[in-house]
């Protein structure tokens, strides 16, 4: 049996790394879409709910931006 070491490129493009990046991208898309959807429906929603949904979606977007900055391949 050969004991082959993985290169840094192979490690960085592993299935786990790709899964984490894909999940982060999907979460970011959902958060940004939720923000714009809240703004689009702002005239139909009560003001406190509009503020709450906007704050939650912007907070999640900020967390995603921080996670992208900390993500290493």
PDB file of N, CA and C in Angstrom:
ATOM      1  N   UNK A   1       0.820  -1.194   0.000  1.00  0.00           N
ATOM      2  CA  UNK A   1       0.000   0.000   0.000  1.00  0.00           C
ATOM      3  C   UNK A   1       0.858   1.250   0.000  1.00  0.00           C
ATOM      4  N   UNK A   2       0.493   2.158  -0.822  1.00  0.00           N
ATOM      5  CA  UNK A   2       1.208   3.410  -0.919  1.00  0.00           C
ATOM      6  C   UNK A   2       0.614   4.423   0.060  1.00  0.00           C
ATOM      7  N   UNK A   3       1.446   5.142   0.741  1.00  0.00           N
ATOM      8  CA  UNK A   3       0.999   6.150   1.686  1.00  0.00           C
ATOM      9  C   UNK A   3       1.174   7.521   1.039  1.00  0.00           C
ATOM     10  N   UNK A   4       0.197   7.916   0.234  1.00  0.00           N
ATOM     11  CA  UNK A   4       0.304   9.156  -0.530  1.00  0.00           C
ATOM     12  C   UNK A   4      -0.214  10.325   0.300  1.00  0.00           C
ATOM     13  N   UNK A   5       0.576  11.371   0.385  1.00  0.00           N
ATOM     14  CA  UNK A   5       0.170  12.592   1.075  1.00  0.00           C
ATOM     15  C   UNK A   5      -0.625  13.467   0.102  1.00  0.00           C
ATOM     16  N   UNK A   6      -1.679  14.079   0.607  1.00  0.00           N
ATOM     17  CA  UNK A   6      -2.463  14.982  -0.233  1.00  0.00           C
ATOM     18  C   UNK A   6      -1.736  16.316  -0.350  1.00  0.00           C
ATOM     19  N   UNK A   7      -1.799  16.880  -1.536  1.00  0.00           N
ATOM     20  CA  UNK A   7      -1.225  18.206  -1.741  1.00  0.00           C
ATOM     21  C   UNK A   7      -2.168  19.249  -1.149  1.00  0.00           C
ATOM     22  N   UNK A   8      -1.669  20.463  -1.004  1.00  0.00           N
ATOM     23  CA  UNK A   8      -2.521  21.524  -0.449  1.00  0.00           C
ATOM     24  C   UNK A   8      -3.700  21.815  -1.367  1.00  0.00           C
ATOM     25  N   UNK A   9      -3.518  21.688  -2.664  1.00  0.00           N
ATOM     26  CA  UNK A   9      -4.617  21.893  -3.604  1.00  0.00           C
ATOM     27  C   UNK A   9      -5.695  20.829  -3.415  1.00  0.00           C
ATOM     28  N   UNK A  10      -5.292  19.580  -3.227  1.00  0.00           N
ATOM     29  CA  UNK A  10      -6.255  18.503  -3.008  1.00  0.00           C
ATOM     30  C   UNK A  10      -7.004  18.692  -1.686  1.00  0.00           C
ATOM     31  N   UNK A  11      -6.295  19.160  -0.654  1.00  0.00           N
ATOM     32  CA  UNK A  11      -6.942  19.394   0.632  1.00  0.00           C
ATOM     33  C   UNK A  11      -7.932  20.548   0.533  1.00  0.00           C
ATOM     34  N   UNK A  12      -7.541  21.617  -0.173  1.00  0.00           N
ATOM     35  CA  UNK A  12      -8.391  22.806  -0.225  1.00  0.00           C
ATOM     36  C   UNK A  12      -9.635  22.590  -1.072  1.00  0.00           C
ATOM     37  N   UNK A  13      -9.594  21.664  -1.986  1.00  0.00           N
ATOM     38  CA  UNK A  13     -10.755  21.401  -2.833  1.00  0.00           C
ATOM     39  C   UNK A  13     -11.412  20.074  -2.453  1.00  0.00           C
ATOM     40  N   UNK A  14     -11.370  19.765  -1.173  1.00  0.00           N
ATOM     41  CA  UNK A  14     -11.995  18.542  -0.697  1.00  0.00           C
ATOM     42  C   UNK A  14     -13.507  18.687  -0.710  1.00  0.00           C
ATOM     43  N   UNK A  15     -14.183  17.585  -0.548  1.00  0.00           N
ATOM     44  CA  UNK A  15     -15.646  17.600  -0.539  1.00  0.00           C
ATOM     45  C   UNK A  15     -16.162  18.431   0.641  1.00  0.00           C
ATOM     46  N   UNK A  16     -15.508  18.337   1.793  1.00  0.00           N
ATOM     47  CA  UNK A  16     -15.939  19.091   2.972  1.00  0.00           C
ATOM     48  C   UNK A  16     -15.773  20.598   2.750  1.00  0.00           C
ATOM     49  N   UNK A  17     -14.664  21.009   2.171  1.00  0.00           N
ATOM     50  CA  UNK A  17     -14.428  22.419   1.896  1.00  0.00           C
ATOM     51  C   UNK A  17     -15.442  22.948   0.884  1.00  0.00           C
ATOM     52  N   UNK A  18     -15.705  22.183  -0.143  1.00  0.00           N
ATOM     53  CA  UNK A  18     -16.698  22.592  -1.147  1.00  0.00           C
ATOM     54  C   UNK A  18     -18.094  22.668  -0.545  1.00  0.00           C
ATOM     55  N   UNK A  19     -18.419  21.735   0.349  1.00  0.00           N
ATOM     56  CA  UNK A  19     -19.722  21.742   1.007  1.00  0.00           C
ATOM     57  C   UNK A  19     -19.885  22.995   1.863  1.00  0.00           C
ATOM     58  N   UNK A  20     -18.870  23.340   2.643  1.00  0.00           N
ATOM     59  CA  UNK A  20     -18.942  24.526   3.498  1.00  0.00           C
ATOM     60  C   UNK A  20     -19.101  25.797   2.668  1.00  0.00           C
ATOM     61  N   UNK A  21     -18.358  25.902   1.577  1.00  0.00           N
ATOM     62  CA  UNK A  21     -18.454  27.081   0.725  1.00  0.00           C
ATOM     63  C   UNK A  21     -19.820  27.171   0.049  1.00  0.00           C
ATOM     64  N   UNK A  22     -20.344  26.052  -0.410  1.00  0.00           N
ATOM     65  CA  UNK A  22     -21.661  26.026  -1.036  1.00  0.00           C
ATOM     66  C   UNK A  22     -22.743  26.420  -0.038  1.00  0.00           C
ATOM     67  N   UNK A  23     -22.652  25.898   1.178  1.00  0.00           N
ATOM     68  CA  UNK A  23     -23.623  26.231   2.204  1.00  0.00           C
ATOM     69  C   UNK A  23     -23.572  27.718   2.555  1.00  0.00           C
ATOM     70  N   UNK A  24     -22.378  28.259   2.634  1.00  0.00           N
ATOM     71  CA  UNK A  24     -22.219  29.677   2.923  1.00  0.00           C
ATOM     72  C   UNK A  24     -22.805  30.534   1.801  1.00  0.00           C
ATOM     73  N   UNK A  25     -22.591  30.140   0.565  1.00  0.00           N
ATOM     74  CA  UNK A  25     -23.161  30.872  -0.579  1.00  0.00           C
ATOM     75  C   UNK A  25     -24.689  30.828  -0.560  1.00  0.00           C
ATOM     76  N   UNK A  26     -25.256  29.668  -0.294  1.00  0.00           N
ATOM     77  CA  UNK A  26     -26.712  29.553  -0.248  1.00  0.00           C
ATOM     78  C   UNK A  26     -27.305  30.390   0.879  1.00  0.00           C
ATOM     79  N   UNK A  27     -26.668  30.373   2.031  1.00  0.00           N
ATOM     80  CA  UNK A  27     -27.145  31.165   3.162  1.00  0.00           C
ATOM     81  C   UNK A  27     -27.092  32.655   2.850  1.00  0.00           C
ATOM     82  N   UNK A  28     -26.047  33.081   2.159  1.00  0.00           N
ATOM     83  CA  UNK A  28     -25.922  34.486   1.777  1.00  0.00           C
ATOM     84  C   UNK A  28     -27.013  34.888   0.789  1.00  0.00           C
ATOM     85  N   UNK A  29     -27.273  34.047  -0.182  1.00  0.00           N
ATOM     86  CA  UNK A  29     -28.324  34.338  -1.168  1.00  0.00           C
ATOM     87  C   UNK A  29     -29.683  34.429  -0.486  1.00  0.00           C
ATOM     88  N   UNK A  30     -29.954  33.537   0.449  1.00  0.00           N
ATOM     89  CA  UNK A  30     -31.231  33.563   1.162  1.00  0.00           C
ATOM     90  C   UNK A  30     -31.357  34.840   1.991  1.00  0.00           C
ATOM     91  N   UNK A  31     -30.286  35.235   2.666  1.00  0.00           N
ATOM     92  CA  UNK A  31     -30.327  36.432   3.514  1.00  0.00           C
ATOM     93  C   UNK A  31     -30.538  37.697   2.684  1.00  0.00           C
ATOM     94  N   UNK A  32     -29.823  37.824   1.582  1.00  0.00           N
ATOM     95  CA  UNK A  32     -29.963  39.019   0.739  1.00  0.00           C
ATOM     96  C   UNK A  32     -31.348  39.058   0.084  1.00  0.00           C
ATOM     97  N   UNK A  33     -31.824  37.909  -0.355  1.00  0.00           N
ATOM     98  CA  UNK A  33     -33.155  37.842  -0.955  1.00  0.00           C
ATOM     99  C   UNK A  33     -34.230  38.178   0.074  1.00  0.00           C
ATOM    100  N   UNK A  34     -34.056  37.719   1.299  1.00  0.00           N
ATOM    101  CA  UNK A  34     -35.021  38.039   2.357  1.00  0.00           C
ATOM    102  C   UNK A  34     -35.067  39.542   2.619  1.00  0.00           C
ATOM    103  N   UNK A  35     -33.904  40.187   2.581  1.00  0.00           N
ATOM    104  CA  UNK A  35     -33.881  41.640   2.787  1.00  0.00           C
ATOM    105  C   UNK A  35     -34.652  42.355   1.684  1.00  0.00           C
ATOM    106  N   UNK A  36     -34.355  42.022   0.429  1.00  0.00           N
ATOM    107  CA  UNK A  36     -35.049  42.700  -0.674  1.00  0.00           C
ATOM    108  C   UNK A  36     -36.529  42.341  -0.709  1.00  0.00           C
ATOM    109  N   UNK A  37     -36.860  41.114  -0.336  1.00  0.00           N
ATOM    110  CA  UNK A  37     -38.263  40.727  -0.268  1.00  0.00           C
ATOM    111  C   UNK A  37     -39.004  41.493   0.806  1.00  0.00           C
ATOM    112  N   UNK A  38     -38.337  41.717   1.932  1.00  0.00           N
ATOM    113  CA  UNK A  38     -38.940  42.513   3.002  1.00  0.00           C
ATOM    114  C   UNK A  38     -39.180  43.942   2.539  1.00  0.00           C
ATOM    115  N   UNK A  39     -38.207  44.507   1.842  1.00  0.00           N
ATOM    116  CA  UNK A  39     -38.395  45.870   1.324  1.00  0.00           C
ATOM    117  C   UNK A  39     -39.517  45.932   0.294  1.00  0.00           C
ATOM    118  N   UNK A  40     -39.623  44.905  -0.521  1.00  0.00           N
ATOM    119  CA  UNK A  40     -40.671  44.894  -1.542  1.00  0.00           C
ATOM    120  C   UNK A  40     -42.065  44.803  -0.915  1.00  0.00           C
ATOM    121  N   UNK A  41     -42.156  44.128   0.223  1.00  0.00           N
ATOM    122  CA  UNK A  41     -43.450  43.955   0.881  1.00  0.00           C
ATOM    123  C   UNK A  41     -43.656  44.930   2.038  1.00  0.00           C
ATOM    124  N   UNK A  42     -42.807  45.918   2.172  1.00  0.00           N
ATOM    125  CA  UNK A  42     -42.848  46.829   3.316  1.00  0.00           C
ATOM    126  C   UNK A  42     -44.179  47.562   3.437  1.00  0.00           C
ATOM    127  N   UNK A  43     -44.807  47.895   2.327  1.00  0.00           N
ATOM    128  CA  UNK A  43     -46.073  48.628   2.407  1.00  0.00           C
ATOM    129  C   UNK A  43     -47.236  47.724   2.816  1.00  0.00           C
ATOM    130  N   UNK A  44     -47.071  46.415   2.732  1.00  0.00           N
ATOM    131  CA  UNK A  44     -48.125  45.467   3.099  1.00  0.00           C
ATOM    132  C   UNK A  44     -47.936  44.877   4.490  1.00  0.00           C
ATOM    133  N   UNK A  45     -46.753  45.025   5.053  1.00  0.00           N
ATOM    134  CA  UNK A  45     -46.453  44.466   6.371  1.00  0.00           C
ATOM    135  C   UNK A  45     -46.539  45.547   7.436  1.00  0.00           C
ATOM    136  N   UNK A  46     -46.864  45.153   8.675  1.00  0.00           N
ATOM    137  CA  UNK A  46     -46.816  46.144   9.755  1.00  0.00           C
ATOM    138  C   UNK A  46     -45.382  46.633   9.955  1.00  0.00           C
ATOM    139  N   UNK A  47     -45.239  47.880  10.372  1.00  0.00           N
ATOM    140  CA  UNK A  47     -43.923  48.493  10.511  1.00  0.00           C
ATOM    141  C   UNK A  47     -42.993  47.717  11.451  1.00  0.00           C
ATOM    142  N   UNK A  48     -43.454  47.261  12.614  1.00  0.00           N
ATOM    143  CA  UNK A  48     -42.529  46.512  13.487  1.00  0.00           C
ATOM    144  C   UNK A  48     -42.013  45.224  12.840  1.00  0.00           C
ATOM    145  N   UNK A  49     -42.879  44.545  12.096  1.00  0.00           N
ATOM    146  CA  UNK A  49     -42.456  43.319  11.419  1.00  0.00           C
ATOM    147  C   UNK A  49     -41.461  43.629  10.299  1.00  0.00           C
ATOM    148  N   UNK A  50     -41.680  44.713   9.585  1.00  0.00           N
ATOM    149  CA  UNK A  50     -40.751  45.126   8.532  1.00  0.00           C
ATOM    150  C   UNK A  50     -39.377  45.432   9.115  1.00  0.00           C
ATOM    151  N   UNK A  51     -39.355  46.146  10.228  1.00  0.00           N
ATOM    152  CA  UNK A  51     -38.082  46.481  10.866  1.00  0.00           C
ATOM    153  C   UNK A  51     -37.395  45.222  11.371  1.00  0.00           C
ATOM    154  N   UNK A  52     -38.153  44.318  11.995  1.00  0.00           N
ATOM    155  CA  UNK A  52     -37.579  43.079  12.519  1.00  0.00           C
ATOM    156  C   UNK A  52     -36.996  42.212  11.408  1.00  0.00           C
ATOM    157  N   UNK A  53     -37.748  42.010  10.350  1.00  0.00           N
ATOM    158  CA  UNK A  53     -37.265  41.169   9.245  1.00  0.00           C
ATOM    159  C   UNK A  53     -36.062  41.802   8.541  1.00  0.00           C
ATOM    160  N   UNK A  54     -36.093  43.107   8.383  1.00  0.00           N
ATOM    161  CA  UNK A  54     -34.949  43.797   7.765  1.00  0.00           C
ATOM    162  C   UNK A  54     -33.696  43.644   8.623  1.00  0.00           C
ATOM    163  N   UNK A  55     -33.856  43.838   9.922  1.00  0.00           N
ATOM    164  CA  UNK A  55     -32.709  43.720  10.827  1.00  0.00           C
ATOM    165  C   UNK A  55     -32.163  42.301  10.850  1.00  0.00           C
ATOM    166  N   UNK A  56     -33.046  41.317  10.888  1.00  0.00           N
ATOM    167  CA  UNK A  56     -32.588  39.921  10.901  1.00  0.00           C
ATOM    168  C   UNK A  56     -31.847  39.552   9.612  1.00  0.00           C
ATOM    169  N   UNK A  57     -32.410  39.959   8.488  1.00  0.00           N
ATOM    170  CA  UNK A  57     -31.775  39.604   7.216  1.00  0.00           C
ATOM    171  C   UNK A  57     -30.445  40.348   7.033  1.00  0.00           C
ATOM    172  N   UNK A  58     -30.384  41.603   7.455  1.00  0.00           N
ATOM    173  CA  UNK A  58     -29.118  42.332   7.361  1.00  0.00           C
ATOM    174  C   UNK A  58     -28.076  41.772   8.331  1.00  0.00           C
ATOM    175  N   UNK A  59     -28.528  41.360   9.515  1.00  0.00           N
ATOM    176  CA  UNK A  59     -27.614  40.735  10.472  1.00  0.00           C
ATOM    177  C   UNK A  59     -27.046  39.437   9.940  1.00  0.00           C
ATOM    178  N   UNK A  60     -27.896  38.618   9.327  1.00  0.00           N
ATOM    179  CA  UNK A  60     -27.432  37.360   8.747  1.00  0.00           C
ATOM    180  C   UNK A  60     -26.492  37.627   7.572  1.00  0.00           C
ATOM    181  N   UNK A  61     -26.777  38.653   6.792  1.00  0.00           N
ATOM    182  CA  UNK A  61     -25.880  39.018   5.688  1.00  0.00           C
ATOM    183  C   UNK A  61     -24.520  39.441   6.224  1.00  0.00           C
ATOM    184  N   UNK A  62     -24.501  40.212   7.300  1.00  0.00           N
ATOM    185  CA  UNK A  62     -23.230  40.636   7.900  1.00  0.00           C
ATOM    186  C   UNK A  62     -22.445  39.436   8.426  1.00  0.00           C
ATOM    187  N   UNK A  63     -23.130  38.493   9.042  1.00  0.00           N
ATOM    188  CA  UNK A  63     -22.459  37.280   9.525  1.00  0.00           C
ATOM    189  C   UNK A  63     -21.872  36.498   8.359  1.00  0.00           C
ATOM    190  N   UNK A  64     -22.593  36.431   7.249  1.00  0.00           N
ATOM    191  CA  UNK A  64     -22.092  35.718   6.065  1.00  0.00           C
ATOM    192  C   UNK A  64     -20.857  36.406   5.484  1.00  0.00           C
ATOM    193  N   UNK A  65     -20.851  37.724   5.469  1.00  0.00           N
ATOM    194  CA  UNK A  65     -19.687  38.460   4.962  1.00  0.00           C
ATOM    195  C   UNK A  65     -18.472  38.170   5.844  1.00  0.00           C
ATOM    196  N   UNK A  66     -18.666  38.162   7.153  1.00  0.00           N
ATOM    197  CA  UNK A  66     -17.572  37.840   8.068  1.00  0.00           C
ATOM    198  C   UNK A  66     -17.093  36.411   7.841  1.00  0.00           C
ATOM    199  N   UNK A  67     -18.035  35.495   7.638  1.00  0.00           N
ATOM    200  CA  UNK A  67     -17.669  34.098   7.401  1.00  0.00           C
ATOM    201  C   UNK A  67     -16.887  33.946   6.093  1.00  0.00           C
ATOM    202  N   UNK A  68     -17.254  34.706   5.066  1.00  0.00           N
ATOM    203  CA  UNK A  68     -16.490  34.666   3.816  1.00  0.00           C
ATOM    204  C   UNK A  68     -15.067  35.165   4.037  1.00  0.00           C
ATOM    205  N   UNK A  69     -14.909  36.194   4.854  1.00  0.00           N
ATOM    206  CA  UNK A  69     -13.575  36.713   5.125  1.00  0.00           C
ATOM    207  C   UNK A  69     -12.714  35.725   5.902  1.00  0.00           C
ATOM    208  N   UNK A  70     -13.335  34.907   6.735  1.00  0.00           N
ATOM    209  CA  UNK A  70     -12.586  33.946   7.541  1.00  0.00           C
ATOM    210  C   UNK A  70     -12.425  32.596   6.848  1.00  0.00           C
ATOM    211  N   UNK A  71     -13.135  32.398   5.762  1.00  0.00           N
ATOM    212  CA  UNK A  71     -13.081  31.100   5.064  1.00  0.00           C
ATOM    213  C   UNK A  71     -11.734  30.935   4.372  1.00  0.00           C
ATOM    214  N   UNK A  72     -11.104  29.801   4.605  1.00  0.00           N
ATOM    215  CA  UNK A  72      -9.823  29.499   3.963  1.00  0.00           C
ATOM    216  C   UNK A  72      -9.960  28.194   3.194  1.00  0.00           C
ATOM    217  N   UNK A  73      -9.446  28.213   2.009  1.00  0.00           N
ATOM    218  CA  UNK A  73      -9.441  26.988   1.204  1.00  0.00           C
ATOM    219  C   UNK A  73      -8.147  26.282   1.376  1.00  0.00           C
TER     220      UNK A  73
END
